[in-house]
Amino acid sequence: MTGSEADELARIIIEQAGYGEAFGHGLGHGVGLATHEQPRLGPNSSECLANSMVFTIEPGIYLV
């Protein structure tokens, strides 16, 4: 699965729940020596997610 495929799955669920417009960024990112690293989990991510990778899943829905 690529980062964009993971992002798309989350977007489908969030949109079905009626919060699509409140989800304005990617699904998550890798974590390593720095807090924000590759892979990016977003619409333009072509990197494959693999076993032993460490990444966050942050489906931020911001309601104003």
PDB file of N, CA and C in Angstrom:
ATOM      1  N   MET A   1       0.848  -1.162   0.000  1.00  0.00           N
ATOM      2  CA  MET A   1       0.000   0.000   0.000  1.00  0.00           C
ATOM      3  C   MET A   1       0.899   1.232   0.000  1.00  0.00           C
ATOM      4  N   THR A   2       0.528   2.230  -0.780  1.00  0.00           N
ATOM      5  CA  THR A   2       1.280   3.481  -0.800  1.00  0.00           C
ATOM      6  C   THR A   2       0.686   4.469   0.196  1.00  0.00           C
ATOM      7  N   GLY A   3       1.434   5.526   0.459  1.00  0.00           N
ATOM      8  CA  GLY A   3       0.925   6.579   1.328  1.00  0.00           C
ATOM      9  C   GLY A   3      -0.343   7.210   0.785  1.00  0.00           C
ATOM     10  N   SER A   4      -0.447   7.351  -0.530  1.00  0.00           N
ATOM     11  CA  SER A   4      -1.654   7.946  -1.116  1.00  0.00           C
ATOM     12  C   SER A   4      -2.847   6.997  -1.013  1.00  0.00           C
ATOM     13  N   GLU A   5      -2.606   5.696  -1.092  1.00  0.00           N
ATOM     14  CA  GLU A   5      -3.712   4.742  -0.932  1.00  0.00           C
ATOM     15  C   GLU A   5      -4.248   4.761   0.497  1.00  0.00           C
ATOM     16  N   ALA A   6      -3.365   4.842   1.480  1.00  0.00           N
ATOM     17  CA  ALA A   6      -3.796   4.943   2.877  1.00  0.00           C
ATOM     18  C   ALA A   6      -4.573   6.235   3.098  1.00  0.00           C
ATOM     19  N   ASP A   7      -4.065   7.329   2.542  1.00  0.00           N
ATOM     20  CA  ASP A   7      -4.733   8.625   2.656  1.00  0.00           C
ATOM     21  C   ASP A   7      -6.127   8.559   2.039  1.00  0.00           C
ATOM     22  N   GLU A   8      -6.249   7.937   0.882  1.00  0.00           N
ATOM     23  CA  GLU A   8      -7.538   7.841   0.193  1.00  0.00           C
ATOM     24  C   GLU A   8      -8.554   7.046   1.007  1.00  0.00           C
ATOM     25  N   LEU A   9      -8.122   5.946   1.638  1.00  0.00           N
ATOM     26  CA  LEU A   9      -9.034   5.169   2.481  1.00  0.00           C
ATOM     27  C   LEU A   9      -9.577   6.015   3.626  1.00  0.00           C
ATOM     28  N   ALA A  10      -8.704   6.773   4.260  1.00  0.00           N
ATOM     29  CA  ALA A  10      -9.136   7.641   5.357  1.00  0.00           C
ATOM     30  C   ALA A  10     -10.090   8.715   4.844  1.00  0.00           C
ATOM     31  N   ARG A  11      -9.786   9.303   3.691  1.00  0.00           N
ATOM     32  CA  ARG A  11     -10.650  10.352   3.131  1.00  0.00           C
ATOM     33  C   ARG A  11     -12.051   9.829   2.827  1.00  0.00           C
ATOM     34  N   ILE A  12     -12.145   8.613   2.328  1.00  0.00           N
ATOM     35  CA  ILE A  12     -13.464   8.030   2.041  1.00  0.00           C
ATOM     36  C   ILE A  12     -14.288   7.943   3.317  1.00  0.00           C
ATOM     37  N   ILE A  13     -13.694   7.429   4.383  1.00  0.00           N
ATOM     38  CA  ILE A  13     -14.406   7.292   5.659  1.00  0.00           C
ATOM     39  C   ILE A  13     -14.784   8.656   6.215  1.00  0.00           C
ATOM     40  N   ILE A  14     -13.854   9.602   6.176  1.00  0.00           N
ATOM     41  CA  ILE A  14     -14.106  10.942   6.709  1.00  0.00           C
ATOM     42  C   ILE A  14     -15.189  11.645   5.895  1.00  0.00           C
ATOM     43  N   GLU A  15     -15.163  11.514   4.574  1.00  0.00           N
ATOM     44  CA  GLU A  15     -16.191  12.129   3.731  1.00  0.00           C
ATOM     45  C   GLU A  15     -17.555  11.494   3.979  1.00  0.00           C
ATOM     46  N   GLN A  16     -17.607  10.173   4.127  1.00  0.00           N
ATOM     47  CA  GLN A  16     -18.877   9.496   4.403  1.00  0.00           C
ATOM     48  C   GLN A  16     -19.473   9.949   5.734  1.00  0.00           C
ATOM     49  N   ALA A  17     -18.620  10.328   6.667  1.00  0.00           N
ATOM     50  CA  ALA A  17     -19.083  10.817   7.967  1.00  0.00           C
ATOM     51  C   ALA A  17     -19.486  12.291   7.913  1.00  0.00           C
ATOM     52  N   GLY A  18     -19.283  12.936   6.747  1.00  0.00           N
ATOM     53  CA  GLY A  18     -19.687  14.326   6.593  1.00  0.00           C
ATOM     54  C   GLY A  18     -18.635  15.351   6.975  1.00  0.00           C
ATOM     55  N   TYR A  19     -17.389  14.927   7.138  1.00  0.00           N
ATOM     56  CA  TYR A  19     -16.329  15.836   7.560  1.00  0.00           C
ATOM     57  C   TYR A  19     -15.260  16.067   6.497  1.00  0.00           C
ATOM     58  N   GLY A  20     -15.542  15.743   5.249  1.00  0.00           N
ATOM     59  CA  GLY A  20     -14.549  15.848   4.186  1.00  0.00           C
ATOM     60  C   GLY A  20     -13.896  17.211   4.075  1.00  0.00           C
ATOM     61  N   GLU A  21     -14.691  18.274   4.181  1.00  0.00           N
ATOM     62  CA  GLU A  21     -14.131  19.623   4.047  1.00  0.00           C
ATOM     63  C   GLU A  21     -13.320  20.041   5.266  1.00  0.00           C
ATOM     64  N   ALA A  22     -13.455  19.323   6.376  1.00  0.00           N
ATOM     65  CA  ALA A  22     -12.723  19.662   7.599  1.00  0.00           C
ATOM     66  C   ALA A  22     -11.384  18.926   7.692  1.00  0.00           C
ATOM     67  N   PHE A  23     -11.100  18.069   6.706  1.00  0.00           N
ATOM     68  CA  PHE A  23      -9.852  17.296   6.698  1.00  0.00           C
ATOM     69  C   PHE A  23      -8.948  17.913   5.645  1.00  0.00           C
ATOM     70  N   GLY A  24      -8.109  18.869   6.061  1.00  0.00           N
ATOM     71  CA  GLY A  24      -7.381  19.687   5.104  1.00  0.00           C
ATOM     72  C   GLY A  24      -5.921  19.359   4.894  1.00  0.00           C
ATOM     73  N   HIS A  25      -5.428  18.262   5.437  1.00  0.00           N
ATOM     74  CA  HIS A  25      -4.014  17.921   5.232  1.00  0.00           C
ATOM     75  C   HIS A  25      -3.877  16.421   5.060  1.00  0.00           C
ATOM     76  N   GLY A  26      -2.659  15.939   4.918  1.00  0.00           N
ATOM     77  CA  GLY A  26      -2.426  14.516   4.723  1.00  0.00           C
ATOM     78  C   GLY A  26      -2.719  13.697   5.970  1.00  0.00           C
ATOM     79  N   LEU A  27      -2.769  12.391   5.783  1.00  0.00           N
ATOM     80  CA  LEU A  27      -3.128  11.467   6.853  1.00  0.00           C
ATOM     81  C   LEU A  27      -2.050  11.314   7.915  1.00  0.00           C
ATOM     82  N   GLY A  28      -0.782  11.407   7.538  1.00  0.00           N
ATOM     83  CA  GLY A  28       0.282  11.216   8.520  1.00  0.00           C
ATOM     84  C   GLY A  28       1.654  11.325   7.894  1.00  0.00           C
ATOM     85  N   HIS A  29       2.658  10.883   8.638  1.00  0.00           N
ATOM     86  CA  HIS A  29       4.047  10.996   8.190  1.00  0.00           C
ATOM     87  C   HIS A  29       4.914  10.019   8.960  1.00  0.00           C
ATOM     88  N   GLY A  30       6.086   9.788   8.428  1.00  0.00           N
ATOM     89  CA  GLY A  30       7.050   8.939   9.096  1.00  0.00           C
ATOM     90  C   GLY A  30       7.629   9.612  10.327  1.00  0.00           C
ATOM     91  N   VAL A  31       8.132   8.790  11.249  1.00  0.00           N
ATOM     92  CA  VAL A  31       8.793   9.280  12.457  1.00  0.00           C
ATOM     93  C   VAL A  31      10.111   8.522  12.577  1.00  0.00           C
ATOM     94  N   GLY A  32      11.183   9.257  12.821  1.00  0.00           N
ATOM     95  CA  GLY A  32      12.497   8.628  12.974  1.00  0.00           C
ATOM     96  C   GLY A  32      13.340   9.478  13.889  1.00  0.00           C
ATOM     97  N   LEU A  33      14.476   9.927  13.405  1.00  0.00           N
ATOM     98  CA  LEU A  33      15.323  10.822  14.192  1.00  0.00           C
ATOM     99  C   LEU A  33      14.665  12.187  14.333  1.00  0.00           C
ATOM    100  N   ALA A  34      13.881  12.574  13.342  1.00  0.00           N
ATOM    101  CA  ALA A  34      13.107  13.816  13.399  1.00  0.00           C
ATOM    102  C   ALA A  34      11.633  13.450  13.554  1.00  0.00           C
ATOM    103  N   THR A  35      10.848  14.404  13.999  1.00  0.00           N
ATOM    104  CA  THR A  35       9.422  14.150  14.194  1.00  0.00           C
ATOM    105  C   THR A  35       8.697  13.931  12.879  1.00  0.00           C
ATOM    106  N   HIS A  36       9.011  14.736  11.867  1.00  0.00           N
ATOM    107  CA  HIS A  36       8.351  14.630  10.564  1.00  0.00           C
ATOM    108  C   HIS A  36       9.349  14.147   9.521  1.00  0.00           C
ATOM    109  N   GLU A  37       9.180  12.917   9.077  1.00  0.00           N
ATOM    110  CA  GLU A  37      10.069  12.322   8.076  1.00  0.00           C
ATOM    111  C   GLU A  37       9.239  11.617   7.014  1.00  0.00           C
ATOM    112  N   GLN A  38       9.929  11.131   5.993  1.00  0.00           N
ATOM    113  CA  GLN A  38       9.291  10.288   4.988  1.00  0.00           C
ATOM    114  C   GLN A  38       8.985   8.943   5.633  1.00  0.00           C
ATOM    115  N   PRO A  39       7.977   8.242   5.218  1.00  0.00           N
ATOM    116  CA  PRO A  39       7.100   8.570   4.109  1.00  0.00           C
ATOM    117  C   PRO A  39       6.011   9.536   4.545  1.00  0.00           C
ATOM    118  N   ARG A  40       5.573  10.343   3.622  1.00  0.00           N
ATOM    119  CA  ARG A  40       4.396  11.181   3.839  1.00  0.00           C
ATOM    120  C   ARG A  40       3.180  10.349   3.461  1.00  0.00           C
ATOM    121  N   LEU A  41       2.141  10.447   4.231  1.00  0.00           N
ATOM    122  CA  LEU A  41       0.893   9.767   3.905  1.00  0.00           C
ATOM    123  C   LEU A  41      -0.082  10.842   3.463  1.00  0.00           C
ATOM    124  N   GLY A  42      -0.123  11.084   2.182  1.00  0.00           N
ATOM    125  CA  GLY A  42      -0.964  12.127   1.623  1.00  0.00           C
ATOM    126  C   GLY A  42      -1.332  11.805   0.194  1.00  0.00           C
ATOM    127  N   PRO A  43      -2.146  12.659  -0.430  1.00  0.00           N
ATOM    128  CA  PRO A  43      -2.644  12.395  -1.784  1.00  0.00           C
ATOM    129  C   PRO A  43      -1.554  12.211  -2.835  1.00  0.00           C
ATOM    130  N   ASN A  44      -0.384  12.802  -2.641  1.00  0.00           N
ATOM    131  CA  ASN A  44       0.676  12.732  -3.652  1.00  0.00           C
ATOM    132  C   ASN A  44       1.802  11.768  -3.294  1.00  0.00           C
ATOM    133  N   SER A  45       1.608  10.947  -2.271  1.00  0.00           N
ATOM    134  CA  SER A  45       2.661  10.039  -1.808  1.00  0.00           C
ATOM    135  C   SER A  45       2.662   8.745  -2.611  1.00  0.00           C
ATOM    136  N   SER A  46       3.773   8.466  -3.276  1.00  0.00           N
ATOM    137  CA  SER A  46       3.879   7.218  -4.041  1.00  0.00           C
ATOM    138  C   SER A  46       4.746   6.187  -3.322  1.00  0.00           C
ATOM    139  N   GLU A  47       5.270   6.554  -2.165  1.00  0.00           N
ATOM    140  CA  GLU A  47       6.153   5.652  -1.421  1.00  0.00           C
ATOM    141  C   GLU A  47       5.351   4.502  -0.811  1.00  0.00           C
ATOM    142  N   CYS A  48       5.866   3.288  -0.931  1.00  0.00           N
ATOM    143  CA  CYS A  48       5.198   2.111  -0.376  1.00  0.00           C
ATOM    144  C   CYS A  48       5.439   2.027   1.126  1.00  0.00           C
ATOM    145  N   LEU A  49       4.394   1.696   1.860  1.00  0.00           N
ATOM    146  CA  LEU A  49       4.500   1.473   3.295  1.00  0.00           C
ATOM    147  C   LEU A  49       4.900   0.017   3.497  1.00  0.00           C
ATOM    148  N   ALA A  50       5.830  -0.226   4.393  1.00  0.00           N
ATOM    149  CA  ALA A  50       6.359  -1.578   4.580  1.00  0.00           C
ATOM    150  C   ALA A  50       6.445  -1.928   6.059  1.00  0.00           C
ATOM    151  N   ASN A  51       6.558  -3.229   6.332  1.00  0.00           N
ATOM    152  CA  ASN A  51       6.756  -3.694   7.707  1.00  0.00           C
ATOM    153  C   ASN A  51       7.968  -3.006   8.304  1.00  0.00           C
ATOM    154  N   SER A  52       7.907  -2.709   9.569  1.00  0.00           N
ATOM    155  CA  SER A  52       8.943  -2.092  10.393  1.00  0.00           C
ATOM    156  C   SER A  52       9.084  -0.591  10.181  1.00  0.00           C
ATOM    157  N   MET A  53       8.314   0.004   9.284  1.00  0.00           N
ATOM    158  CA  MET A  53       8.306   1.471   9.171  1.00  0.00           C
ATOM    159  C   MET A  53       7.535   2.037  10.357  1.00  0.00           C
ATOM    160  N   VAL A  54       7.963   3.198  10.827  1.00  0.00           N
ATOM    161  CA  VAL A  54       7.268   3.870  11.917  1.00  0.00           C
ATOM    162  C   VAL A  54       6.669   5.149  11.354  1.00  0.00           C
ATOM    163  N   PHE A  55       5.350   5.281  11.490  1.00  0.00           N
ATOM    164  CA  PHE A  55       4.695   6.489  11.008  1.00  0.00           C
ATOM    165  C   PHE A  55       3.465   6.784  11.852  1.00  0.00           C
ATOM    166  N   THR A  56       3.017   8.016  11.790  1.00  0.00           N
ATOM    167  CA  THR A  56       1.830   8.436  12.523  1.00  0.00           C
ATOM    168  C   THR A  56       0.623   8.369  11.603  1.00  0.00           C
ATOM    169  N   ILE A  57      -0.526   8.192  12.212  1.00  0.00           N
ATOM    170  CA  ILE A  57      -1.804   8.323  11.521  1.00  0.00           C
ATOM    171  C   ILE A  57      -2.519   9.448  12.257  1.00  0.00           C
ATOM    172  N   GLU A  58      -2.640  10.600  11.608  1.00  0.00           N
ATOM    173  CA  GLU A  58      -3.194  11.801  12.235  1.00  0.00           C
ATOM    174  C   GLU A  58      -4.317  12.372  11.377  1.00  0.00           C
ATOM    175  N   PRO A  59      -5.467  11.721  11.360  1.00  0.00           N
ATOM    176  CA  PRO A  59      -6.544  12.251  10.528  1.00  0.00           C
ATOM    177  C   PRO A  59      -7.197  13.463  11.197  1.00  0.00           C
ATOM    178  N   GLY A  60      -6.497  14.591  11.174  1.00  0.00           N
ATOM    179  CA  GLY A  60      -6.992  15.796  11.835  1.00  0.00           C
ATOM    180  C   GLY A  60      -8.232  16.343  11.155  1.00  0.00           C
ATOM    181  N   ILE A  61      -9.319  16.413  11.906  1.00  0.00           N
ATOM    182  CA  ILE A  61     -10.556  17.021  11.426  1.00  0.00           C
ATOM    183  C   ILE A  61     -10.752  18.267  12.271  1.00  0.00           C
ATOM    184  N   TYR A  62     -10.694  19.425  11.622  1.00  0.00           N
ATOM    185  CA  TYR A  62     -10.728  20.692  12.345  1.00  0.00           C
ATOM    186  C   TYR A  62     -12.063  21.379  12.128  1.00  0.00           C
ATOM    187  N   LEU A  63     -12.846  21.473  13.196  1.00  0.00           N
ATOM    188  CA  LEU A  63     -14.158  22.112  13.146  1.00  0.00           C
ATOM    189  C   LEU A  63     -14.042  23.512  13.725  1.00  0.00           C
ATOM    190  N   VAL A  64     -14.600  24.463  13.016  1.00  0.00           N
ATOM    191  CA  VAL A  64     -14.507  25.852  13.473  1.00  0.00           C
ATOM    192  C   VAL A  64     -15.868  26.346  13.891  1.00  0.00           C
TER     193      VAL A  64
END
